[in-house]
């Protein structure tokens, strides 16, 4: 017998939101040239995007 998922079971984690925010800020810094160390910003963006995609894969 299965039960319906409650709203609390499907909440978005604050950790995921933090990782997504860091990824978005790093992407913005690379896009606009705001970052002094563009190599680190690119690394942070790519790593964050990879982690976000992994989270979305596991969530689905």
N, C-alpha and C. Protein backbone atom coordinates (compact mmCIF):
# COMPACT_ATOMS: atom_id res chain seq x y z
N UNK A 1 0.84 -1.16 0.00
CA UNK A 1 0.00 0.00 0.00
C UNK A 1 0.90 1.24 0.00
N UNK A 2 0.58 2.19 -0.82
CA UNK A 2 1.39 3.40 -0.89
C UNK A 2 0.66 4.56 -0.22
N UNK A 3 1.43 5.52 0.20
CA UNK A 3 0.84 6.72 0.80
C UNK A 3 1.26 7.93 -0.02
N UNK A 4 0.44 8.94 0.01
CA UNK A 4 0.74 10.16 -0.72
C UNK A 4 1.84 10.93 0.00
N UNK A 5 2.69 11.58 -0.79
CA UNK A 5 3.76 12.38 -0.21
C UNK A 5 3.17 13.64 0.41
N UNK A 6 3.63 13.93 1.60
CA UNK A 6 3.18 15.16 2.25
C UNK A 6 4.03 16.33 1.79
N UNK A 7 3.55 17.52 2.08
CA UNK A 7 4.26 18.73 1.63
C UNK A 7 5.65 18.81 2.25
N UNK A 8 5.82 18.38 3.47
CA UNK A 8 7.12 18.43 4.14
C UNK A 8 8.15 17.52 3.50
N UNK A 9 7.69 16.46 2.84
CA UNK A 9 8.61 15.53 2.20
C UNK A 9 9.21 16.12 0.93
N UNK A 10 8.55 17.08 0.32
CA UNK A 10 8.99 17.62 -0.97
C UNK A 10 9.55 19.03 -0.85
N UNK A 11 9.94 19.46 0.35
CA UNK A 11 10.49 20.80 0.53
C UNK A 11 11.88 20.89 -0.08
N UNK A 12 12.23 22.09 -0.54
CA UNK A 12 13.56 22.33 -1.09
C UNK A 12 14.51 22.60 0.06
N UNK A 13 15.64 21.94 0.05
CA UNK A 13 16.62 22.08 1.12
C UNK A 13 17.29 23.45 1.08
N UNK A 14 17.55 24.04 2.24
CA UNK A 14 18.29 25.31 2.28
C UNK A 14 19.71 25.16 1.75
N UNK A 15 20.29 23.99 1.91
CA UNK A 15 21.63 23.74 1.39
C UNK A 15 21.62 23.82 -0.14
N UNK A 16 20.61 23.22 -0.76
CA UNK A 16 20.49 23.29 -2.21
C UNK A 16 20.31 24.72 -2.67
N UNK A 17 19.49 25.48 -1.97
CA UNK A 17 19.29 26.89 -2.34
C UNK A 17 20.58 27.68 -2.21
N UNK A 18 21.39 27.37 -1.21
CA UNK A 18 22.68 28.03 -1.04
C UNK A 18 23.63 27.70 -2.17
N UNK A 19 23.68 26.43 -2.57
CA UNK A 19 24.54 26.03 -3.68
C UNK A 19 24.08 26.68 -4.97
N UNK A 20 22.77 26.72 -5.18
CA UNK A 20 22.24 27.37 -6.39
C UNK A 20 22.55 28.87 -6.39
N UNK A 21 22.49 29.51 -5.22
CA UNK A 21 22.81 30.94 -5.13
C UNK A 21 24.28 31.20 -5.42
N UNK A 22 25.16 30.39 -4.87
CA UNK A 22 26.60 30.55 -5.13
C UNK A 22 26.89 30.34 -6.61
N UNK A 23 26.24 29.37 -7.22
CA UNK A 23 26.41 29.12 -8.65
C UNK A 23 25.93 30.31 -9.47
N UNK A 24 24.79 30.86 -9.10
CA UNK A 24 24.26 32.02 -9.83
C UNK A 24 25.16 33.23 -9.70
N UNK A 25 25.68 33.48 -8.51
CA UNK A 25 26.57 34.63 -8.31
C UNK A 25 27.88 34.43 -9.05
N UNK A 26 28.42 33.22 -9.03
CA UNK A 26 29.66 32.95 -9.76
C UNK A 26 29.43 33.10 -11.26
N UNK A 27 28.30 32.64 -11.77
CA UNK A 27 27.99 32.82 -13.18
C UNK A 27 27.85 34.28 -13.56
N UNK A 28 27.21 35.06 -12.69
CA UNK A 28 27.09 36.49 -12.92
C UNK A 28 28.46 37.17 -12.92
N UNK A 29 29.33 36.78 -11.99
CA UNK A 29 30.66 37.37 -11.89
C UNK A 29 31.50 37.07 -13.13
N UNK A 30 31.37 35.87 -13.66
CA UNK A 30 32.10 35.52 -14.89
C UNK A 30 31.50 36.26 -16.08
N UNK A 31 30.19 36.32 -16.16
CA UNK A 31 29.51 36.95 -17.30
C UNK A 31 29.84 38.44 -17.41
N UNK A 32 29.82 39.14 -16.27
CA UNK A 32 30.03 40.58 -16.30
C UNK A 32 31.48 40.98 -16.17
N UNK A 33 32.36 40.05 -15.88
CA UNK A 33 33.77 40.37 -15.67
C UNK A 33 34.02 40.99 -14.31
N UNK A 34 33.11 40.81 -13.36
CA UNK A 34 33.23 41.39 -12.03
C UNK A 34 34.32 40.71 -11.21
N UNK A 35 34.58 39.44 -11.46
CA UNK A 35 35.55 38.68 -10.66
C UNK A 35 36.97 39.08 -11.02
N UNK A 36 37.79 39.29 -9.97
CA UNK A 36 39.21 39.58 -10.20
C UNK A 36 39.94 38.33 -10.67
N UNK A 37 39.64 37.21 -10.04
CA UNK A 37 40.24 35.93 -10.42
C UNK A 37 39.21 35.15 -11.21
N UNK A 38 39.20 35.35 -12.52
CA UNK A 38 38.16 34.70 -13.33
C UNK A 38 38.31 33.19 -13.35
N UNK A 39 39.53 32.69 -13.21
CA UNK A 39 39.73 31.24 -13.19
C UNK A 39 39.01 30.59 -12.03
N UNK A 40 39.10 31.20 -10.86
CA UNK A 40 38.42 30.65 -9.69
C UNK A 40 36.91 30.76 -9.83
N UNK A 41 36.44 31.88 -10.39
CA UNK A 41 35.00 32.07 -10.58
C UNK A 41 34.44 31.04 -11.56
N UNK A 42 35.18 30.76 -12.61
CA UNK A 42 34.74 29.74 -13.58
C UNK A 42 34.71 28.37 -12.91
N UNK A 43 35.75 28.05 -12.13
CA UNK A 43 35.78 26.78 -11.41
C UNK A 43 34.58 26.66 -10.47
N UNK A 44 34.30 27.74 -9.74
CA UNK A 44 33.18 27.74 -8.81
C UNK A 44 31.85 27.58 -9.55
N UNK A 45 31.71 28.24 -10.69
CA UNK A 45 30.48 28.14 -11.47
C UNK A 45 30.28 26.73 -12.02
N UNK A 46 31.32 26.16 -12.60
CA UNK A 46 31.20 24.83 -13.20
C UNK A 46 30.95 23.78 -12.12
N UNK A 47 31.67 23.86 -11.02
CA UNK A 47 31.47 22.90 -9.94
C UNK A 47 30.07 23.04 -9.33
N UNK A 48 29.63 24.27 -9.12
CA UNK A 48 28.29 24.48 -8.57
C UNK A 48 27.21 23.99 -9.51
N UNK A 49 27.37 24.25 -10.81
CA UNK A 49 26.38 23.79 -11.78
C UNK A 49 26.33 22.26 -11.83
N UNK A 50 27.49 21.64 -11.70
CA UNK A 50 27.53 20.17 -11.68
C UNK A 50 26.80 19.63 -10.45
N UNK A 51 27.01 20.25 -9.30
CA UNK A 51 26.35 19.80 -8.07
C UNK A 51 24.84 20.03 -8.17
N UNK A 52 24.42 21.17 -8.73
CA UNK A 52 22.99 21.43 -8.90
C UNK A 52 22.36 20.39 -9.83
N UNK A 53 23.04 20.07 -10.93
CA UNK A 53 22.49 19.06 -11.85
C UNK A 53 22.43 17.69 -11.19
N UNK A 54 23.41 17.38 -10.35
CA UNK A 54 23.40 16.11 -9.63
C UNK A 54 22.24 16.06 -8.64
N UNK A 55 22.00 17.16 -7.95
CA UNK A 55 20.87 17.23 -7.00
C UNK A 55 19.54 17.06 -7.73
N UNK A 56 19.39 17.73 -8.86
CA UNK A 56 18.14 17.61 -9.62
C UNK A 56 17.95 16.19 -10.14
N UNK A 57 19.03 15.53 -10.53
CA UNK A 57 18.95 14.15 -11.01
C UNK A 57 18.50 13.23 -9.88
N UNK A 58 19.07 13.40 -8.70
CA UNK A 58 18.72 12.54 -7.57
C UNK A 58 17.33 12.84 -7.04
N UNK A 59 16.88 14.08 -7.16
CA UNK A 59 15.56 14.46 -6.66
C UNK A 59 14.45 13.85 -7.51
N UNK A 60 14.67 13.79 -8.80
CA UNK A 60 13.66 13.26 -9.71
C UNK A 60 13.69 11.77 -9.60
